[in-house]
Amino acid sequence: MSAKSLSSSIFQIVDSQYTQLNAIDDLAYLESKDSPDKWSRKEILGHLIDSAYNNHRRFKVSVNQEHLVFDGYDQDSEVIRHNYQQRDYTELIDGWKAANIQLAHLVASLSDALLTKETIQHNFYRIGFNQIPKGEPATLQHLIEDYINHMEHHLAQIVG
C-alpha cells in the first residue's frame, strides 16, 4: 500500500468515526468500566490520542534511521496521567481528530521506498498490535498498517 493510500485510510477513518463519536451523548456509557482495572470508553479514546502522538513520533524519526526500533510507552500510566476519565468528551474527540489529521499528513509525505524497506532490526514483537517475531523482516508500512488496525479495533470498542 502506498503512503498516499495509507494516509487516505487514516483520513477516511477520522471522517467516518468523528461523526459517530460525536453522536454518543450518554455520559454513563462513556465512563462505565467493565471492571476497575479496565478502561472506560473515554479512556480508550484517550489511549488513541496517546497512540497517535507516539506513532507520529515513530513515523517521523524513521526517516532518519536505518532500523525500526522505537521506544514503547506505559499505556496505563499515560491514561491515568492525562486524566481522560475526568476530561470533557468533546475535547477528547477533537483531540483525537486533530492528532490523526496531523499523523495522516505526515504519512502522506513518506516515500514509498521508505515504507517498503525491510529490516530485521525492529522491535515490533514488543510494540506491535499485530506483532512480528524477532528476527523476521519488518517494514514501516507494517507499522503504519498496524497503527490503523489498532485504531479501528479500539474505535469499535467505543462506537460498537
N, C-alpha and C. Protein backbone atom coordinates (compact mmCIF):
# COMPACT_ATOMS: atom_id res chain seq x y z
N MET A 1 0.86 -1.17 0.00
CA MET A 1 0.00 0.00 0.00
C MET A 1 0.91 1.24 0.00
N SER A 2 0.56 2.22 -0.76
CA SER A 2 1.37 3.43 -0.89
C SER A 2 1.15 4.36 0.30
N ALA A 3 2.04 5.33 0.45
CA ALA A 3 1.91 6.32 1.50
C ALA A 3 0.60 7.10 1.34
N LYS A 4 0.27 7.43 0.10
CA LYS A 4 -0.99 8.17 -0.14
C LYS A 4 -2.20 7.32 0.25
N SER A 5 -2.16 6.02 -0.03
CA SER A 5 -3.27 5.13 0.33
C SER A 5 -3.40 4.99 1.84
N LEU A 6 -2.26 4.84 2.51
CA LEU A 6 -2.29 4.74 3.97
C LEU A 6 -2.83 6.03 4.59
N SER A 7 -2.36 7.14 4.09
CA SER A 7 -2.84 8.43 4.57
C SER A 7 -4.33 8.58 4.33
N SER A 8 -4.76 8.21 3.15
CA SER A 8 -6.18 8.28 2.81
C SER A 8 -7.02 7.41 3.74
N SER A 9 -6.51 6.24 4.10
CA SER A 9 -7.23 5.36 5.03
C SER A 9 -7.43 6.05 6.38
N ILE A 10 -6.39 6.71 6.85
CA ILE A 10 -6.49 7.41 8.14
C ILE A 10 -7.51 8.54 8.05
N PHE A 11 -7.45 9.33 6.96
CA PHE A 11 -8.42 10.41 6.78
C PHE A 11 -9.85 9.87 6.73
N GLN A 12 -10.06 8.74 6.05
CA GLN A 12 -11.40 8.15 5.95
C GLN A 12 -11.91 7.69 7.31
N ILE A 13 -11.04 7.08 8.10
CA ILE A 13 -11.43 6.66 9.44
C ILE A 13 -11.81 7.87 10.29
N VAL A 14 -10.99 8.90 10.23
CA VAL A 14 -11.28 10.11 11.01
C VAL A 14 -12.62 10.69 10.58
N ASP A 15 -12.85 10.81 9.29
CA ASP A 15 -14.11 11.39 8.81
C ASP A 15 -15.32 10.58 9.27
N SER A 16 -15.27 9.28 9.11
CA SER A 16 -16.43 8.46 9.45
C SER A 16 -16.62 8.33 10.96
N GLN A 17 -15.56 8.14 11.69
CA GLN A 17 -15.68 7.90 13.13
C GLN A 17 -15.92 9.18 13.93
N TYR A 18 -15.44 10.31 13.44
CA TYR A 18 -15.67 11.57 14.14
C TYR A 18 -17.17 11.81 14.31
N THR A 19 -17.92 11.59 13.26
CA THR A 19 -19.37 11.77 13.32
C THR A 19 -20.00 10.79 14.31
N GLN A 20 -19.56 9.53 14.25
CA GLN A 20 -20.12 8.52 15.15
C GLN A 20 -19.75 8.80 16.60
N LEU A 21 -18.52 9.23 16.83
CA LEU A 21 -18.11 9.57 18.20
C LEU A 21 -18.93 10.73 18.75
N ASN A 22 -19.18 11.72 17.91
CA ASN A 22 -19.97 12.89 18.33
C ASN A 22 -21.42 12.54 18.62
N ALA A 23 -21.90 11.46 18.02
CA ALA A 23 -23.30 11.06 18.22
C ALA A 23 -23.53 10.41 19.58
N ILE A 24 -22.47 10.00 20.25
CA ILE A 24 -22.62 9.38 21.57
C ILE A 24 -22.75 10.48 22.62
N ASP A 25 -23.90 10.50 23.28
CA ASP A 25 -24.13 11.54 24.28
C ASP A 25 -24.48 10.97 25.65
N ASP A 26 -24.31 9.68 25.83
CA ASP A 26 -24.62 9.02 27.09
C ASP A 26 -23.35 8.96 27.93
N LEU A 27 -23.21 9.91 28.86
CA LEU A 27 -22.00 10.00 29.67
C LEU A 27 -21.78 8.74 30.52
N ALA A 28 -22.85 8.15 31.01
CA ALA A 28 -22.72 6.93 31.80
C ALA A 28 -22.11 5.81 30.95
N TYR A 29 -22.55 5.71 29.71
CA TYR A 29 -22.00 4.72 28.77
C TYR A 29 -20.51 4.98 28.53
N LEU A 30 -20.15 6.23 28.34
CA LEU A 30 -18.77 6.60 28.04
C LEU A 30 -17.83 6.40 29.23
N GLU A 31 -18.35 6.56 30.44
CA GLU A 31 -17.50 6.49 31.62
C GLU A 31 -17.56 5.16 32.35
N SER A 32 -18.47 4.27 31.94
CA SER A 32 -18.59 2.98 32.63
C SER A 32 -17.39 2.08 32.30
N LYS A 33 -17.07 1.22 33.26
CA LYS A 33 -15.98 0.27 33.11
C LYS A 33 -16.50 -1.13 33.41
N ASP A 34 -16.02 -2.11 32.66
CA ASP A 34 -16.40 -3.49 32.92
C ASP A 34 -15.85 -3.97 34.26
N SER A 35 -14.69 -3.43 34.63
CA SER A 35 -14.10 -3.71 35.93
C SER A 35 -13.14 -2.55 36.26
N PRO A 36 -12.77 -2.41 37.52
CA PRO A 36 -11.91 -1.26 37.89
C PRO A 36 -10.58 -1.21 37.16
N ASP A 37 -10.08 -2.36 36.72
CA ASP A 37 -8.78 -2.38 36.04
C ASP A 37 -8.90 -2.25 34.51
N LYS A 38 -10.11 -2.04 34.02
CA LYS A 38 -10.33 -1.85 32.57
C LYS A 38 -10.56 -0.38 32.28
N TRP A 39 -10.31 0.02 31.04
CA TRP A 39 -10.54 1.40 30.64
C TRP A 39 -11.99 1.62 30.28
N SER A 40 -12.47 2.82 30.56
CA SER A 40 -13.79 3.24 30.07
C SER A 40 -13.64 3.61 28.59
N ARG A 41 -14.75 3.90 27.95
CA ARG A 41 -14.70 4.31 26.54
C ARG A 41 -13.98 5.66 26.39
N LYS A 42 -14.16 6.55 27.35
CA LYS A 42 -13.41 7.82 27.32
C LYS A 42 -11.91 7.56 27.45
N GLU A 43 -11.54 6.64 28.29
CA GLU A 43 -10.13 6.32 28.46
C GLU A 43 -9.56 5.61 27.23
N ILE A 44 -10.36 4.81 26.58
CA ILE A 44 -9.92 4.18 25.32
C ILE A 44 -9.66 5.26 24.29
N LEU A 45 -10.54 6.24 24.19
CA LEU A 45 -10.33 7.34 23.25
C LEU A 45 -9.07 8.11 23.63
N GLY A 46 -8.86 8.33 24.91
CA GLY A 46 -7.63 8.98 25.35
C GLY A 46 -6.40 8.17 24.98
N HIS A 47 -6.49 6.85 25.14
CA HIS A 47 -5.39 5.98 24.72
C HIS A 47 -5.11 6.14 23.23
N LEU A 48 -6.14 6.31 22.43
CA LEU A 48 -5.94 6.51 20.98
C LEU A 48 -5.25 7.84 20.69
N ILE A 49 -5.49 8.83 21.52
CA ILE A 49 -4.77 10.10 21.37
C ILE A 49 -3.29 9.88 21.68
N ASP A 50 -3.00 9.19 22.78
CA ASP A 50 -1.62 8.89 23.13
C ASP A 50 -0.95 8.08 22.01
N SER A 51 -1.66 7.11 21.48
CA SER A 51 -1.13 6.27 20.42
C SER A 51 -0.81 7.09 19.17
N ALA A 52 -1.68 8.03 18.84
CA ALA A 52 -1.43 8.88 17.68
C ALA A 52 -0.15 9.69 17.87
N TYR A 53 0.02 10.28 19.04
CA TYR A 53 1.23 11.07 19.30
C TYR A 53 2.48 10.21 19.29
N ASN A 54 2.42 9.05 19.94
CA ASN A 54 3.59 8.18 19.98
C ASN A 54 3.95 7.65 18.60
N ASN A 55 2.94 7.27 17.83
CA ASN A 55 3.23 6.76 16.49
C ASN A 55 3.65 7.86 15.53
N HIS A 56 3.13 9.06 15.70
CA HIS A 56 3.58 10.19 14.88
C HIS A 56 5.09 10.36 15.06
N ARG A 57 5.53 10.32 16.30
CA ARG A 57 6.96 10.46 16.58
C ARG A 57 7.74 9.30 15.94
N ARG A 58 7.24 8.08 16.05
CA ARG A 58 7.91 6.93 15.45
C ARG A 58 8.03 7.08 13.93
N PHE A 59 6.94 7.45 13.29
CA PHE A 59 6.96 7.59 11.84
C PHE A 59 7.93 8.69 11.43
N LYS A 60 7.93 9.77 12.19
CA LYS A 60 8.80 10.92 11.87
C LYS A 60 10.27 10.56 12.01
N VAL A 61 10.67 9.90 13.09
CA VAL A 61 12.08 9.58 13.27
C VAL A 61 12.55 8.45 12.36
N SER A 62 11.63 7.67 11.84
CA SER A 62 12.02 6.56 10.95
C SER A 62 12.71 7.07 9.69
N VAL A 63 12.44 8.30 9.33
CA VAL A 63 13.05 8.89 8.12
C VAL A 63 14.56 8.98 8.25
N ASN A 64 15.05 9.16 9.47
CA ASN A 64 16.48 9.40 9.70
C ASN A 64 17.20 8.26 10.39
N GLN A 65 16.63 7.07 10.38
CA GLN A 65 17.31 5.94 11.00
C GLN A 65 17.23 4.72 10.10
N GLU A 66 18.18 3.84 10.24
CA GLU A 66 18.27 2.64 9.41
C GLU A 66 17.46 1.48 9.97
N HIS A 67 17.02 1.59 11.21
CA HIS A 67 16.31 0.50 11.87
C HIS A 67 14.89 0.94 12.19
N LEU A 68 14.11 0.01 12.71
CA LEU A 68 12.74 0.29 13.13
C LEU A 68 12.56 -0.09 14.60
N VAL A 69 13.49 0.36 15.41
CA VAL A 69 13.42 0.15 16.85
C VAL A 69 12.95 1.46 17.48
N PHE A 70 11.86 1.37 18.24
CA PHE A 70 11.25 2.56 18.82
C PHE A 70 10.96 2.34 20.29
N ASP A 71 10.92 3.45 21.03
CA ASP A 71 10.55 3.39 22.43
C ASP A 71 9.11 2.90 22.55
N GLY A 72 8.86 2.18 23.61
CA GLY A 72 7.49 1.85 23.98
C GLY A 72 6.99 2.91 24.94
N TYR A 73 5.81 2.71 25.46
CA TYR A 73 5.30 3.61 26.49
C TYR A 73 4.32 2.86 27.37
N ASP A 74 4.20 3.29 28.60
CA ASP A 74 3.33 2.65 29.57
C ASP A 74 1.91 3.19 29.36
N GLN A 75 1.11 2.44 28.64
CA GLN A 75 -0.22 2.88 28.24
C GLN A 75 -1.12 3.20 29.44
N ASP A 76 -1.10 2.33 30.43
CA ASP A 76 -1.97 2.55 31.59
C ASP A 76 -1.58 3.82 32.34
N SER A 77 -0.28 4.02 32.52
CA SER A 77 0.18 5.23 33.21
C SER A 77 -0.19 6.49 32.43
N GLU A 78 -0.08 6.42 31.11
CA GLU A 78 -0.44 7.59 30.28
C GLU A 78 -1.92 7.92 30.42
N VAL A 79 -2.76 6.91 30.41
CA VAL A 79 -4.20 7.14 30.54
C VAL A 79 -4.50 7.80 31.89
N ILE A 80 -3.87 7.31 32.93
CA ILE A 80 -4.08 7.90 34.26
C ILE A 80 -3.51 9.32 34.32
N ARG A 81 -2.29 9.49 33.82
CA ARG A 81 -1.61 10.79 33.88
C ARG A 81 -2.41 11.88 33.16
N HIS A 82 -3.02 11.53 32.05
CA HIS A 82 -3.78 12.52 31.28
C HIS A 82 -5.21 12.68 31.78
N ASN A 83 -5.60 11.87 32.75
CA ASN A 83 -6.90 12.01 33.41
C ASN A 83 -8.07 12.00 32.42
N TYR A 84 -8.02 11.10 31.47
CA TYR A 84 -9.04 11.06 30.42
C TYR A 84 -10.45 10.80 30.97
N GLN A 85 -10.55 10.06 32.04
CA GLN A 85 -11.86 9.74 32.61
C GLN A 85 -12.60 11.01 33.04
N GLN A 86 -11.87 12.02 33.51
CA GLN A 86 -12.48 13.24 34.01
C GLN A 86 -12.58 14.35 32.97
N ARG A 87 -12.01 14.14 31.81
CA ARG A 87 -11.95 15.19 30.79
C ARG A 87 -13.25 15.28 30.01
N ASP A 88 -13.46 16.43 29.41
CA ASP A 88 -14.63 16.67 28.57
C ASP A 88 -14.56 15.78 27.33
N TYR A 89 -15.63 15.06 27.06
CA TYR A 89 -15.64 14.11 25.95
C TYR A 89 -15.45 14.81 24.60
N THR A 90 -16.06 15.96 24.41
CA THR A 90 -15.90 16.69 23.15
C THR A 90 -14.45 17.09 22.93
N GLU A 91 -13.78 17.49 24.00
CA GLU A 91 -12.36 17.82 23.91
C GLU A 91 -11.54 16.61 23.46
N LEU A 92 -11.89 15.43 23.97
CA LEU A 92 -11.18 14.21 23.59
C LEU A 92 -11.41 13.87 22.12
N ILE A 93 -12.65 13.99 21.67
CA ILE A 93 -12.95 13.70 20.26
C ILE A 93 -12.16 14.65 19.36
N ASP A 94 -12.19 15.91 19.67
CA ASP A 94 -11.47 16.90 18.86
C ASP A 94 -9.96 16.67 18.89
N GLY A 95 -9.44 16.29 20.06
CA GLY A 95 -8.01 15.99 20.18
C GLY A 95 -7.62 14.78 19.37
N TRP A 96 -8.45 13.75 19.41
CA TRP A 96 -8.20 12.54 18.61
C TRP A 96 -8.19 12.88 17.12
N LYS A 97 -9.17 13.66 16.69
CA LYS A 97 -9.25 14.05 15.28
C LYS A 97 -8.02 14.84 14.86
N ALA A 98 -7.65 15.84 15.63
CA ALA A 98 -6.51 16.69 15.29
C ALA A 98 -5.21 15.89 15.23
N ALA A 99 -5.00 15.01 16.21
CA ALA A 99 -3.76 14.21 16.23
C ALA A 99 -3.68 13.31 15.01
N ASN A 100 -4.80 12.74 14.59
CA ASN A 100 -4.78 11.83 13.45
C ASN A 100 -4.70 12.55 12.11
N ILE A 101 -5.24 13.74 12.02
CA ILE A 101 -5.07 14.53 10.80
C ILE A 101 -3.59 14.87 10.63
N GLN A 102 -2.94 15.29 11.71
CA GLN A 102 -1.51 15.60 11.66
C GLN A 102 -0.72 14.36 11.25
N LEU A 103 -1.05 13.22 11.86
CA LEU A 103 -0.36 11.97 11.54
C LEU A 103 -0.58 11.58 10.08
N ALA A 104 -1.79 11.72 9.58
CA ALA A 104 -2.10 11.35 8.19
C ALA A 104 -1.31 12.21 7.21
N HIS A 105 -1.15 13.48 7.51
CA HIS A 105 -0.35 14.35 6.63
C HIS A 105 1.11 13.91 6.62
N LEU A 106 1.62 13.53 7.78
CA LEU A 106 3.00 13.02 7.83
C LEU A 106 3.13 11.75 7.00
N VAL A 107 2.22 10.82 7.16
CA VAL A 107 2.26 9.57 6.41
C VAL A 107 2.25 9.85 4.91
N ALA A 108 1.44 10.79 4.47
CA ALA A 108 1.37 11.13 3.04
C ALA A 108 2.71 11.62 2.51
N SER A 109 3.53 12.18 3.38
CA SER A 109 4.81 12.75 2.93
C SER A 109 5.94 11.71 2.85
N LEU A 110 5.70 10.52 3.35
CA LEU A 110 6.74 9.50 3.37
C LEU A 110 6.90 8.86 2.00
N SER A 111 8.11 8.51 1.66
CA SER A 111 8.34 7.87 0.36
C SER A 111 7.92 6.41 0.42
N ASP A 112 7.47 5.92 -0.70
CA ASP A 112 7.10 4.51 -0.77
C ASP A 112 8.32 3.62 -0.57
N ALA A 113 9.50 4.09 -0.99
CA ALA A 113 10.74 3.32 -0.78
C ALA A 113 11.01 3.17 0.72
N LEU A 114 10.78 4.23 1.49
CA LEU A 114 10.97 4.15 2.93
C LEU A 114 9.96 3.19 3.54
N LEU A 115 8.73 3.23 3.07
CA LEU A 115 7.68 2.37 3.62
C LEU A 115 7.98 0.89 3.43
N THR A 116 8.56 0.54 2.31
CA THR A 116 8.73 -0.87 1.97
C THR A 116 10.13 -1.41 2.25
N LYS A 117 11.01 -0.57 2.75
CA LYS A 117 12.37 -1.00 3.07
C LYS A 117 12.32 -1.99 4.23
N GLU A 118 12.85 -3.20 4.01
CA GLU A 118 12.81 -4.24 5.03
C GLU A 118 14.03 -4.18 5.94
N THR A 119 13.81 -4.55 7.19
CA THR A 119 14.90 -4.67 8.15
C THR A 119 14.52 -5.73 9.18
N ILE A 120 15.53 -6.40 9.71
CA ILE A 120 15.28 -7.31 10.84
C ILE A 120 15.58 -6.59 12.16
N GLN A 121 16.06 -5.36 12.05
CA GLN A 121 16.30 -4.54 13.25
C GLN A 121 15.02 -3.78 13.59
N HIS A 122 14.17 -4.43 14.34
CA HIS A 122 12.90 -3.83 14.76
C HIS A 122 12.53 -4.39 16.12
N ASN A 123 11.55 -3.77 16.74
CA ASN A 123 11.01 -4.31 17.99
C ASN A 123 9.48 -4.42 17.91
N PHE A 124 8.98 -4.79 16.74
CA PHE A 124 7.54 -4.95 16.55
C PHE A 124 7.00 -6.15 17.33
N TYR A 125 7.88 -7.00 17.80
CA TYR A 125 7.49 -8.13 18.66
C TYR A 125 7.13 -7.62 20.05
N ARG A 126 7.50 -6.38 20.37
CA ARG A 126 7.17 -5.78 21.67
C ARG A 126 6.14 -4.67 21.55
N ILE A 127 6.24 -3.83 20.52
CA ILE A 127 5.39 -2.64 20.45
C ILE A 127 4.21 -2.80 19.50
N GLY A 128 4.14 -3.90 18.79
CA GLY A 128 3.10 -4.04 17.77
C GLY A 128 1.77 -4.52 18.31
N PHE A 129 0.72 -4.11 17.67
CA PHE A 129 -0.63 -4.64 17.93
C PHE A 129 -0.70 -6.02 17.29
N ASN A 130 -0.30 -6.10 16.02
CA ASN A 130 -0.12 -7.36 15.30
C ASN A 130 1.39 -7.55 15.20
N GLN A 131 1.92 -8.30 16.12
CA GLN A 131 3.36 -8.37 16.28
C GLN A 131 4.04 -9.20 15.19
N ILE A 132 5.28 -8.83 14.91
CA ILE A 132 6.16 -9.58 14.01
C ILE A 132 7.26 -10.18 14.88
N PRO A 133 7.49 -11.48 14.77
CA PRO A 133 8.52 -12.10 15.61
C PRO A 133 9.91 -11.50 15.40
N LYS A 134 10.66 -11.51 16.47
CA LYS A 134 12.04 -11.03 16.44
C LYS A 134 12.81 -11.82 15.38
N GLY A 135 13.60 -11.10 14.57
CA GLY A 135 14.41 -11.73 13.54
C GLY A 135 13.74 -11.85 12.19
N GLU A 136 12.43 -11.65 12.14
CA GLU A 136 11.73 -11.65 10.84
C GLU A 136 11.72 -10.24 10.28
N PRO A 137 11.76 -10.11 8.96
CA PRO A 137 11.79 -8.76 8.37
C PRO A 137 10.49 -7.97 8.64
N ALA A 138 10.68 -6.68 8.80
CA ALA A 138 9.55 -5.77 9.03
C ALA A 138 9.76 -4.51 8.22
N THR A 139 8.68 -3.77 8.02
CA THR A 139 8.73 -2.52 7.28
C THR A 139 7.96 -1.43 8.03
N LEU A 140 8.25 -0.21 7.68
CA LEU A 140 7.49 0.91 8.23
C LEU A 140 6.03 0.80 7.78
N GLN A 141 5.79 0.31 6.60
CA GLN A 141 4.42 0.12 6.13
C GLN A 141 3.64 -0.77 7.10
N HIS A 142 4.28 -1.83 7.56
CA HIS A 142 3.60 -2.70 8.53
C HIS A 142 3.24 -1.92 9.79
N LEU A 143 4.16 -1.11 10.28
CA LEU A 143 3.90 -0.34 11.50
C LEU A 143 2.72 0.61 11.30
N ILE A 144 2.65 1.25 10.15
CA ILE A 144 1.54 2.18 9.88
C ILE A 144 0.23 1.41 9.75
N GLU A 145 0.24 0.30 9.03
CA GLU A 145 -0.97 -0.53 8.92
C GLU A 145 -1.39 -1.05 10.29
N ASP A 146 -0.40 -1.41 11.11
CA ASP A 146 -0.66 -1.88 12.46
C ASP A 146 -1.32 -0.78 13.29
N TYR A 147 -0.85 0.45 13.13
CA TYR A 147 -1.44 1.59 13.81
C TYR A 147 -2.92 1.73 13.41
N ILE A 148 -3.19 1.63 12.12
CA ILE A 148 -4.57 1.75 11.62
C ILE A 148 -5.44 0.63 12.20
N ASN A 149 -4.94 -0.61 12.19
CA ASN A 149 -5.71 -1.73 12.74
C ASN A 149 -5.98 -1.54 14.23
N HIS A 150 -4.99 -1.06 14.95
CA HIS A 150 -5.12 -0.80 16.38
C HIS A 150 -6.20 0.26 16.62
N MET A 151 -6.16 1.32 15.84
CA MET A 151 -7.14 2.39 15.99
C MET A 151 -8.55 1.86 15.70
N GLU A 152 -8.71 1.12 14.63
CA GLU A 152 -10.03 0.58 14.29
C GLU A 152 -10.55 -0.37 15.37
N HIS A 153 -9.66 -1.17 15.92
CA HIS A 153 -10.03 -2.10 17.00
C HIS A 153 -10.63 -1.33 18.18
N HIS A 154 -9.92 -0.30 18.61
CA HIS A 154 -10.39 0.46 19.77
C HIS A 154 -11.61 1.33 19.46
N LEU A 155 -11.69 1.86 18.26
CA LEU A 155 -12.89 2.63 17.90
C LEU A 155 -14.12 1.74 17.93
N ALA A 156 -13.98 0.49 17.53
CA ALA A 156 -15.11 -0.45 17.58
C ALA A 156 -15.55 -0.69 19.02
N GLN A 157 -14.62 -0.63 19.97
CA GLN A 157 -14.97 -0.78 21.38
C GLN A 157 -15.78 0.42 21.89
N ILE A 158 -15.56 1.55 21.28
CA ILE A 158 -16.26 2.78 21.71
C ILE A 158 -17.62 2.89 21.03
N VAL A 159 -17.65 2.79 19.71
CA VAL A 159 -18.88 3.04 18.97
C VAL A 159 -19.68 1.79 18.69
N GLY A 160 -19.09 0.64 18.94
CA GLY A 160 -19.82 -0.62 18.73
C GLY A 160 -19.79 -1.07 17.30
